[in-house]
């Protein structure tokens, strides 16, 4: 019953938004900018409750992480659906088929120390942060948009002004459809890989093979409310004949850490 009512309400809101945008009218003397702003806020109100559930589940999982290292990679139960973690490319457009619901994986990633406050997670992490971080995926981005720092709250994106304006522009000319796509993709993420850095030596000069990041990783099931899997992962720059393979060793570390998590999760959950 609730599902039917929810779907009916969602379709009703979508129909109103589309009608407003296509007809070019939404109020007496309203400008196009005002009509668009009202349409976007209607969508945020629609998706808000579901993102609040994800926000609460993420914070609860972070508060229950064991203090000890996982020791060995293990899962407490079989997972259905199976976790599919794919490296998130923050330069990819949200409308790419890779980032559509059902594709691009069902696992997001976040630092365990920042999971309580996803709006503080760095959007474009680089070596200048002085700490190791990875770019957040669409679940975290959806939390930013629907959270208190979004248009329904302070109307200010504390994380980065660059991303703060992204839902309102881009390759998708229909702002409402673009925002809905971002939120749909975010809510598709069933799991969150919460990582806790145990070793971090940032890249120095080319050929410095001491550069490495090691982390304990805990997979949180945001629907079941538990932490069924735990593992350790490593990320480092790529070396060829004692020299870095690329000029972006920090990004290499980010990518290789996530690749290590992905391959280990697959091995642990697919028999």
C-alpha atoms as a PDB file:
ATOM      1  CA  UNK A   1       0.000   0.000   0.000  1.00  0.00           C
ATOM      2  CA  UNK A   2       2.704   2.449   0.981  1.00  0.00           C
ATOM      3  CA  UNK A   3       4.693   1.598  -2.127  1.00  0.00           C
ATOM      4  CA  UNK A   4       1.695   2.307  -4.354  1.00  0.00           C
ATOM      5  CA  UNK A   5       0.975   5.590  -2.619  1.00  0.00           C
ATOM      6  CA  UNK A   6       4.660   6.594  -2.838  1.00  0.00           C
ATOM      7  CA  UNK A   7       4.869   5.799  -6.543  1.00  0.00           C
ATOM      8  CA  UNK A   8       1.635   7.673  -7.187  1.00  0.00           C
ATOM      9  CA  UNK A   9       2.900  10.717  -5.341  1.00  0.00           C
ATOM     10  CA  UNK A  10       6.240  10.578  -7.157  1.00  0.00           C
ATOM     11  CA  UNK A  11       4.535  10.379 -10.536  1.00  0.00           C
ATOM     12  CA  UNK A  12       2.258  13.225  -9.569  1.00  0.00           C
ATOM     13  CA  UNK A  13       5.175  15.464  -8.628  1.00  0.00           C
ATOM     14  CA  UNK A  14       7.044  14.474 -11.789  1.00  0.00           C
ATOM     15  CA  UNK A  15       4.008  15.301 -13.942  1.00  0.00           C
ATOM     16  CA  UNK A  16       3.649  18.712 -12.331  1.00  0.00           C
ATOM     17  CA  UNK A  17       7.357  19.462 -12.772  1.00  0.00           C
ATOM     18  CA  UNK A  18       7.356  18.443 -16.432  1.00  0.00           C
ATOM     19  CA  UNK A  19       4.185  20.395 -17.124  1.00  0.00           C
ATOM     20  CA  UNK A  20       5.645  23.502 -15.528  1.00  0.00           C
ATOM     21  CA  UNK A  21       8.841  23.272 -17.526  1.00  0.00           C
ATOM     22  CA  UNK A  22       7.177  22.520 -20.830  1.00  0.00           C
ATOM     23  CA  UNK A  23       4.393  25.076 -20.554  1.00  0.00           C
ATOM     24  CA  UNK A  24       6.670  27.819 -19.295  1.00  0.00           C
ATOM     25  CA  UNK A  25       4.187  28.796 -16.626  1.00  0.00           C
ATOM     26  CA  UNK A  26       4.165  28.148 -12.923  1.00  0.00           C
ATOM     27  CA  UNK A  27       2.818  31.263 -11.289  1.00  0.00           C
ATOM     28  CA  UNK A  28       1.642  34.764 -11.924  1.00  0.00           C
ATOM     29  CA  UNK A  29       4.573  36.717 -13.286  1.00  0.00           C
ATOM     30  CA  UNK A  30       7.170  34.136 -12.208  1.00  0.00           C
ATOM     31  CA  UNK A  31      10.446  34.114 -14.078  1.00  0.00           C
ATOM     32  CA  UNK A  32      11.893  30.943 -15.592  1.00  0.00           C
ATOM     33  CA  UNK A  33      14.542  30.897 -12.868  1.00  0.00           C
ATOM     34  CA  UNK A  34      11.887  31.040 -10.148  1.00  0.00           C
ATOM     35  CA  UNK A  35       9.865  28.256 -11.764  1.00  0.00           C
ATOM     36  CA  UNK A  36      12.960  26.064 -12.092  1.00  0.00           C
ATOM     37  CA  UNK A  37      13.934  26.717  -8.494  1.00  0.00           C
ATOM     38  CA  UNK A  38      10.459  25.725  -7.316  1.00  0.00           C
ATOM     39  CA  UNK A  39      10.553  22.534  -9.431  1.00  0.00           C
ATOM     40  CA  UNK A  40      13.941  21.517  -8.033  1.00  0.00           C
ATOM     41  CA  UNK A  41      12.807  22.089  -4.459  1.00  0.00           C
ATOM     42  CA  UNK A  42       9.733  19.938  -5.083  1.00  0.00           C
ATOM     43  CA  UNK A  43      12.004  17.100  -6.204  1.00  0.00           C
ATOM     44  CA  UNK A  44      14.249  17.528  -3.161  1.00  0.00           C
ATOM     45  CA  UNK A  45      11.234  17.260  -0.851  1.00  0.00           C
ATOM     46  CA  UNK A  46      10.155  14.109  -2.661  1.00  0.00           C
ATOM     47  CA  UNK A  47      13.539  12.395  -2.308  1.00  0.00           C
ATOM     48  CA  UNK A  48      14.443  13.816   1.111  1.00  0.00           C
ATOM     49  CA  UNK A  49      12.897  11.078   3.313  1.00  0.00           C
ATOM     50  CA  UNK A  50      14.694   8.285   1.454  1.00  0.00           C
ATOM     51  CA  UNK A  51      18.039  10.036   1.690  1.00  0.00           C
ATOM     52  CA  UNK A  52      17.429  10.670   5.399  1.00  0.00           C
ATOM     53  CA  UNK A  53      17.170   6.902   5.837  1.00  0.00           C
ATOM     54  CA  UNK A  54      20.482   6.441   4.034  1.00  0.00           C
ATOM     55  CA  UNK A  55      22.077   9.264   6.030  1.00  0.00           C
ATOM     56  CA  UNK A  56      20.997   7.727   9.343  1.00  0.00           C
ATOM     57  CA  UNK A  57      22.108   4.243   8.269  1.00  0.00           C
ATOM     58  CA  UNK A  58      25.542   5.519   7.244  1.00  0.00           C
ATOM     59  CA  UNK A  59      26.068   7.317  10.561  1.00  0.00           C
ATOM     60  CA  UNK A  60      24.872   4.291  12.528  1.00  0.00           C
ATOM     61  CA  UNK A  61      27.267   1.988  10.682  1.00  0.00           C
ATOM     62  CA  UNK A  62      30.204   4.318  11.290  1.00  0.00           C
ATOM     63  CA  UNK A  63      29.433   4.418  15.008  1.00  0.00           C
ATOM     64  CA  UNK A  64      29.552   0.614  15.222  1.00  0.00           C
ATOM     65  CA  UNK A  65      32.869   0.027  13.458  1.00  0.00           C
ATOM     66  CA  UNK A  66      35.194  -2.178  15.505  1.00  0.00           C
ATOM     67  CA  UNK A  67      38.365  -0.526  16.740  1.00  0.00           C
ATOM     68  CA  UNK A  68      40.509  -3.523  15.857  1.00  0.00           C
ATOM     69  CA  UNK A  69      41.835  -4.266  12.385  1.00  0.00           C
ATOM     70  CA  UNK A  70      39.872  -6.903  10.441  1.00  0.00           C
ATOM     71  CA  UNK A  71      42.849  -9.245  10.616  1.00  0.00           C
ATOM     72  CA  UNK A  72      41.677 -11.346   7.691  1.00  0.00           C
ATOM     73  CA  UNK A  73      39.177 -10.686   4.923  1.00  0.00           C
ATOM     74  CA  UNK A  74      35.828 -12.183   5.862  1.00  0.00           C
ATOM     75  CA  UNK A  75      32.039 -11.930   5.562  1.00  0.00           C
ATOM     76  CA  UNK A  76      29.518 -13.012   8.184  1.00  0.00           C
ATOM     77  CA  UNK A  77      26.786 -13.976   5.716  1.00  0.00           C
ATOM     78  CA  UNK A  78      25.952 -14.298   2.061  1.00  0.00           C
ATOM     79  CA  UNK A  79      24.976 -10.999   0.529  1.00  0.00           C
ATOM     80  CA  UNK A  80      21.968 -10.497  -1.712  1.00  0.00           C
ATOM     81  CA  UNK A  81      22.296  -8.482  -3.810  1.00  0.00           C
ATOM     82  CA  UNK A  82      25.996  -9.119  -4.240  1.00  0.00           C
ATOM     83  CA  UNK A  83      28.103  -5.989  -3.690  1.00  0.00           C
ATOM     84  CA  UNK A  84      29.532  -4.542  -6.888  1.00  0.00           C
ATOM     85  CA  UNK A  85      32.073  -1.817  -6.180  1.00  0.00           C
ATOM     86  CA  UNK A  86      33.394   0.148  -9.147  1.00  0.00           C
ATOM     87  CA  UNK A  87      35.837   3.005  -9.039  1.00  0.00           C
ATOM     88  CA  UNK A  88      33.959   6.293  -9.171  1.00  0.00           C
ATOM     89  CA  UNK A  89      35.198   8.757 -11.756  1.00  0.00           C
ATOM     90  CA  UNK A  90      34.169  12.203 -10.531  1.00  0.00           C
ATOM     91  CA  UNK A  91      34.687  13.560 -14.037  1.00  0.00           C
ATOM     92  CA  UNK A  92      32.009  11.286 -15.497  1.00  0.00           C
ATOM     93  CA  UNK A  93      28.689  12.881 -16.341  1.00  0.00           C
ATOM     94  CA  UNK A  94      25.722  11.707 -14.322  1.00  0.00           C
ATOM     95  CA  UNK A  95      23.827  11.000 -17.527  1.00  0.00           C
ATOM     96  CA  UNK A  96      26.384   8.490 -18.797  1.00  0.00           C
ATOM     97  CA  UNK A  97      24.925   4.994 -18.974  1.00  0.00           C
ATOM     98  CA  UNK A  98      27.796   3.884 -16.708  1.00  0.00           C
ATOM     99  CA  UNK A  99      26.282   5.917 -13.902  1.00  0.00           C
ATOM    100  CA  UNK A 100      22.662   4.883 -14.462  1.00  0.00           C
ATOM    101  CA  UNK A 101      20.776   2.982 -11.757  1.00  0.00           C
ATOM    102  CA  UNK A 102      21.507  -0.698 -12.221  1.00  0.00           C
ATOM    103  CA  UNK A 103      24.924   0.076 -13.658  1.00  0.00           C
ATOM    104  CA  UNK A 104      28.097   1.456 -12.144  1.00  0.00           C
ATOM    105  CA  UNK A 105      27.835  -0.738  -9.080  1.00  0.00           C
ATOM    106  CA  UNK A 106      25.772  -0.646  -5.890  1.00  0.00           C
ATOM    107  CA  UNK A 107      28.541   0.352  -3.453  1.00  0.00           C
ATOM    108  CA  UNK A 108      29.673   3.851  -2.514  1.00  0.00           C
ATOM    109  CA  UNK A 109      32.825   4.669  -0.539  1.00  0.00           C
ATOM    110  CA  UNK A 110      33.496   7.092   2.290  1.00  0.00           C
ATOM    111  CA  UNK A 111      36.008   7.754   5.013  1.00  0.00           C
ATOM    112  CA  UNK A 112      34.788   6.203   8.269  1.00  0.00           C
ATOM    113  CA  UNK A 113      35.694   9.351  10.222  1.00  0.00           C
ATOM    114  CA  UNK A 114      33.494  11.507   7.968  1.00  0.00           C
ATOM    115  CA  UNK A 115      30.528   9.186   7.447  1.00  0.00           C
ATOM    116  CA  UNK A 116      28.598  10.942  10.230  1.00  0.00           C
ATOM    117  CA  UNK A 117      28.820  14.194   8.285  1.00  0.00           C
ATOM    118  CA  UNK A 118      28.865  13.363   4.544  1.00  0.00           C
ATOM    119  CA  UNK A 119      28.646  17.048   3.650  1.00  0.00           C
ATOM    120  CA  UNK A 120      32.247  17.448   4.890  1.00  0.00           C
ATOM    121  CA  UNK A 121      33.728  14.823   2.581  1.00  0.00           C
ATOM    122  CA  UNK A 122      36.107  16.407   0.075  1.00  0.00           C
ATOM    123  CA  UNK A 123      34.722  16.577  -3.452  1.00  0.00           C
ATOM    124  CA  UNK A 124      38.022  16.789  -5.328  1.00  0.00           C
ATOM    125  CA  UNK A 125      40.617  15.299  -2.967  1.00  0.00           C
ATOM    126  CA  UNK A 126      44.240  15.809  -3.829  1.00  0.00           C
ATOM    127  CA  UNK A 127      47.601  15.645  -2.115  1.00  0.00           C
ATOM    128  CA  UNK A 128      47.195  19.213  -0.823  1.00  0.00           C
ATOM    129  CA  UNK A 129      44.634  17.951   1.698  1.00  0.00           C
ATOM    130  CA  UNK A 130      47.487  16.544   3.765  1.00  0.00           C
ATOM    131  CA  UNK A 131      45.472  13.359   4.275  1.00  0.00           C
ATOM    132  CA  UNK A 132      44.255  10.543   2.091  1.00  0.00           C
ATOM    133  CA  UNK A 133      40.735  10.734   0.661  1.00  0.00           C
ATOM    134  CA  UNK A 134      38.772   9.575  -2.356  1.00  0.00           C
ATOM    135  CA  UNK A 135      36.141  11.384  -4.363  1.00  0.00           C
ATOM    136  CA  UNK A 136      32.639  10.550  -3.086  1.00  0.00           C
ATOM    137  CA  UNK A 137      30.139   8.765  -5.279  1.00  0.00           C
ATOM    138  CA  UNK A 138      26.528   9.595  -6.035  1.00  0.00           C
ATOM    139  CA  UNK A 139      25.135   8.413  -2.700  1.00  0.00           C
ATOM    140  CA  UNK A 140      27.239  10.943  -0.803  1.00  0.00           C
ATOM    141  CA  UNK A 141      26.504  13.606  -3.415  1.00  0.00           C
ATOM    142  CA  UNK A 142      22.789  12.946  -3.026  1.00  0.00           C
ATOM    143  CA  UNK A 143      23.183  13.429   0.718  1.00  0.00           C
ATOM    144  CA  UNK A 144      24.824  16.777   0.113  1.00  0.00           C
ATOM    145  CA  UNK A 145      22.010  17.960  -2.096  1.00  0.00           C
ATOM    146  CA  UNK A 146      19.152  16.735   0.099  1.00  0.00           C
ATOM    147  CA  UNK A 147      20.878  17.602   3.381  1.00  0.00           C
ATOM    148  CA  UNK A 148      20.851  20.779   5.495  1.00  0.00           C
ATOM    149  CA  UNK A 149      23.550  22.388   3.353  1.00  0.00           C
ATOM    150  CA  UNK A 150      21.411  22.012   0.237  1.00  0.00           C
ATOM    151  CA  UNK A 151      18.735  24.265  -1.256  1.00  0.00           C
ATOM    152  CA  UNK A 152      16.141  23.153   1.309  1.00  0.00           C
ATOM    153  CA  UNK A 153      18.482  24.061   4.150  1.00  0.00           C
ATOM    154  CA  UNK A 154      20.965  26.906   4.066  1.00  0.00           C
ATOM    155  CA  UNK A 155      20.987  26.967   0.244  1.00  0.00           C
ATOM    156  CA  UNK A 156      24.748  26.747   0.489  1.00  0.00           C
ATOM    157  CA  UNK A 157      26.913  23.756  -0.422  1.00  0.00           C
ATOM    158  CA  UNK A 158      29.686  23.726   2.154  1.00  0.00           C
ATOM    159  CA  UNK A 159      31.742  21.102   0.390  1.00  0.00           C
ATOM    160  CA  UNK A 160      32.590  22.934  -2.794  1.00  0.00           C
ATOM    161  CA  UNK A 161      30.909  25.651  -4.773  1.00  0.00           C
ATOM    162  CA  UNK A 162      31.937  23.894  -7.983  1.00  0.00           C
ATOM    163  CA  UNK A 163      29.812  20.875  -7.222  1.00  0.00           C
ATOM    164  CA  UNK A 164      27.157  22.962  -5.511  1.00  0.00           C
ATOM    165  CA  UNK A 165      26.001  24.353  -8.845  1.00  0.00           C
ATOM    166  CA  UNK A 166      26.318  21.101 -10.788  1.00  0.00           C
ATOM    167  CA  UNK A 167      22.679  19.963 -10.383  1.00  0.00           C
ATOM    168  CA  UNK A 168      21.538  23.201 -12.009  1.00  0.00           C
ATOM    169  CA  UNK A 169      23.570  22.965 -15.168  1.00  0.00           C
ATOM    170  CA  UNK A 170      25.476  20.545 -17.359  1.00  0.00           C
ATOM    171  CA  UNK A 171      24.870  18.556 -20.491  1.00  0.00           C
ATOM    172  CA  UNK A 172      21.272  17.887 -19.427  1.00  0.00           C
ATOM    173  CA  UNK A 173      19.382  21.084 -20.272  1.00  0.00           C
ATOM    174  CA  UNK A 174      16.371  20.101 -18.184  1.00  0.00           C
ATOM    175  CA  UNK A 175      17.549  20.924 -14.654  1.00  0.00           C
ATOM    176  CA  UNK A 176      14.762  18.972 -12.985  1.00  0.00           C
ATOM    177  CA  UNK A 177      15.468  15.821 -14.967  1.00  0.00           C
ATOM    178  CA  UNK A 178      19.194  16.129 -14.253  1.00  0.00           C
ATOM    179  CA  UNK A 179      18.627  16.496 -10.503  1.00  0.00           C
ATOM    180  CA  UNK A 180      16.247  13.535 -10.444  1.00  0.00           C
ATOM    181  CA  UNK A 181      18.861  11.439 -12.265  1.00  0.00           C
ATOM    182  CA  UNK A 182      21.547  12.307  -9.708  1.00  0.00           C
ATOM    183  CA  UNK A 183      19.280  11.315  -6.828  1.00  0.00           C
ATOM    184  CA  UNK A 184      18.110   8.101  -8.496  1.00  0.00           C
ATOM    185  CA  UNK A 185      21.704   7.000  -9.040  1.00  0.00           C
ATOM    186  CA  UNK A 186      22.602   7.828  -5.436  1.00  0.00           C
ATOM    187  CA  UNK A 187      19.739   5.837  -3.961  1.00  0.00           C
ATOM    188  CA  UNK A 188      20.742   2.793  -6.013  1.00  0.00           C
ATOM    189  CA  UNK A 189      23.774   2.357  -3.754  1.00  0.00           C
ATOM    190  CA  UNK A 190      22.821  -0.388  -1.294  1.00  0.00           C
ATOM    191  CA  UNK A 191      26.213  -0.615   0.425  1.00  0.00           C
ATOM    192  CA  UNK A 192      28.924   1.725   1.688  1.00  0.00           C
ATOM    193  CA  UNK A 193      32.604   0.784   1.938  1.00  0.00           C
ATOM    194  CA  UNK A 194      33.816   2.684   5.008  1.00  0.00           C
ATOM    195  CA  UNK A 195      37.605   2.916   5.022  1.00  0.00           C
ATOM    196  CA  UNK A 196      39.886   3.793   7.924  1.00  0.00           C
ATOM    197  CA  UNK A 197      43.427   4.734   6.914  1.00  0.00           C
ATOM    198  CA  UNK A 198      46.065   2.907   8.927  1.00  0.00           C
ATOM    199  CA  UNK A 199      49.154   3.954   6.930  1.00  0.00           C
ATOM    200  CA  UNK A 200      49.625   6.911   4.617  1.00  0.00           C
ATOM    201  CA  UNK A 201      52.885   8.070   3.107  1.00  0.00           C
ATOM    202  CA  UNK A 202      52.197  10.656   0.454  1.00  0.00           C
ATOM    203  CA  UNK A 203      54.164  10.680  -2.808  1.00  0.00           C
ATOM    204  CA  UNK A 204      57.480  12.484  -2.748  1.00  0.00           C
ATOM    205  CA  UNK A 205      59.921  12.514  -5.613  1.00  0.00           C
ATOM    206  CA  UNK A 206      59.517  10.225  -8.642  1.00  0.00           C
ATOM    207  CA  UNK A 207      60.927   6.844  -7.784  1.00  0.00           C
ATOM    208  CA  UNK A 208      59.995   7.173  -4.099  1.00  0.00           C
ATOM    209  CA  UNK A 209      58.544   3.709  -3.577  1.00  0.00           C
ATOM    210  CA  UNK A 210      57.670   4.507   0.042  1.00  0.00           C
ATOM    211  CA  UNK A 211      54.436   6.144  -1.136  1.00  0.00           C
ATOM    212  CA  UNK A 212      51.542   3.973  -0.015  1.00  0.00           C
ATOM    213  CA  UNK A 213      48.138   3.985   1.622  1.00  0.00           C
ATOM    214  CA  UNK A 214      46.774   1.104   3.663  1.00  0.00           C
ATOM    215  CA  UNK A 215      43.286   0.940   5.098  1.00  0.00           C
ATOM    216  CA  UNK A 216      40.864  -1.199   7.043  1.00  0.00           C
ATOM    217  CA  UNK A 217      37.600  -1.423   5.105  1.00  0.00           C
ATOM    218  CA  UNK A 218      34.162  -2.288   6.464  1.00  0.00           C
ATOM    219  CA  UNK A 219      31.214  -2.955   4.171  1.00  0.00           C
ATOM    220  CA  UNK A 220      27.980  -1.553   5.598  1.00  0.00           C
ATOM    221  CA  UNK A 221      24.611  -2.834   4.380  1.00  0.00           C
ATOM    222  CA  UNK A 222      22.450   0.287   4.508  1.00  0.00           C
ATOM    223  CA  UNK A 223      19.213  -1.693   4.264  1.00  0.00           C
ATOM    224  CA  UNK A 224      19.936  -4.446   6.784  1.00  0.00           C
ATOM    225  CA  UNK A 225      21.782  -2.110   9.133  1.00  0.00           C
ATOM    226  CA  UNK A 226      24.801  -4.330   9.757  1.00  0.00           C
ATOM    227  CA  UNK A 227      28.451  -4.616   8.725  1.00  0.00           C
ATOM    228  CA  UNK A 228      28.672  -8.039   7.076  1.00  0.00           C
ATOM    229  CA  UNK A 229      32.172  -7.824   5.546  1.00  0.00           C
ATOM    230  CA  UNK A 230      35.574  -6.518   6.527  1.00  0.00           C
ATOM    231  CA  UNK A 231      38.931  -6.460   4.755  1.00  0.00           C
ATOM    232  CA  UNK A 232      42.253  -4.662   4.394  1.00  0.00           C
ATOM    233  CA  UNK A 233      43.291  -2.849   1.223  1.00  0.00           C
ATOM    234  CA  UNK A 234      46.386  -1.165  -0.193  1.00  0.00           C
ATOM    235  CA  UNK A 235      46.920   1.568  -2.764  1.00  0.00           C
ATOM    236  CA  UNK A 236      50.185   2.762  -4.303  1.00  0.00           C
ATOM    237  CA  UNK A 237      51.529   4.515  -7.403  1.00  0.00           C
ATOM    238  CA  UNK A 238      52.357   2.448 -10.464  1.00  0.00           C
ATOM    239  CA  UNK A 239      56.064   1.913 -11.015  1.00  0.00           C
ATOM    240  CA  UNK A 240      57.988   1.059 -14.161  1.00  0.00           C
ATOM    241  CA  UNK A 241      61.748   0.611 -13.802  1.00  0.00           C
ATOM    242  CA  UNK A 242      61.852   2.458 -10.474  1.00  0.00           C
ATOM    243  CA  UNK A 243      59.901   5.440 -11.771  1.00  0.00           C
ATOM    244  CA  UNK A 244      56.260   6.374 -11.494  1.00  0.00           C
ATOM    245  CA  UNK A 245      54.281   5.297 -14.490  1.00  0.00           C
ATOM    246  CA  UNK A 246      52.260   8.527 -14.509  1.00  0.00           C
ATOM    247  CA  UNK A 247      52.545  12.108 -13.319  1.00  0.00           C
ATOM    248  CA  UNK A 248      49.589  11.678 -10.954  1.00  0.00           C
ATOM    249  CA  UNK A 249      50.828   9.295  -8.245  1.00  0.00           C
ATOM    250  CA  UNK A 250      48.231  10.440  -5.692  1.00  0.00           C
ATOM    251  CA  UNK A 251      45.416   9.642  -8.100  1.00  0.00           C
ATOM    252  CA  UNK A 252      47.132   6.301  -8.783  1.00  0.00           C
ATOM    253  CA  UNK A 253      46.945   5.552  -5.065  1.00  0.00           C
ATOM    254  CA  UNK A 254      43.245   6.443  -4.978  1.00  0.00           C
ATOM    255  CA  UNK A 255      42.463   4.245  -7.958  1.00  0.00           C
ATOM    256  CA  UNK A 256      44.563   1.275  -6.887  1.00  0.00           C
ATOM    257  CA  UNK A 257      43.074   1.311  -3.367  1.00  0.00           C
ATOM    258  CA  UNK A 258      39.567   1.189  -4.797  1.00  0.00           C
ATOM    259  CA  UNK A 259      40.572  -1.509  -7.281  1.00  0.00           C
ATOM    260  CA  UNK A 260      41.991  -3.578  -4.434  1.00  0.00           C
ATOM    261  CA  UNK A 261      38.731  -3.186  -2.482  1.00  0.00           C
ATOM    262  CA  UNK A 262      36.715  -4.129  -5.558  1.00  0.00           C
ATOM    263  CA  UNK A 263      38.659  -7.299  -6.348  1.00  0.00           C
ATOM    264  CA  UNK A 264      38.690  -8.473  -2.733  1.00  0.00           C
ATOM    265  CA  UNK A 265      34.979  -7.861  -2.275  1.00  0.00           C
ATOM    266  CA  UNK A 266      34.275  -9.829  -5.431  1.00  0.00           C
ATOM    267  CA  UNK A 267      36.420 -12.723  -4.242  1.00  0.00           C
ATOM    268  CA  UNK A 268      34.739 -12.711  -0.832  1.00  0.00           C
ATOM    269  CA  UNK A 269      31.134 -12.551  -2.032  1.00  0.00           C
ATOM    270  CA  UNK A 270      31.066 -14.543  -5.265  1.00  0.00           C
ATOM    271  CA  UNK A 271      32.370 -17.865  -4.078  1.00  0.00           C
END
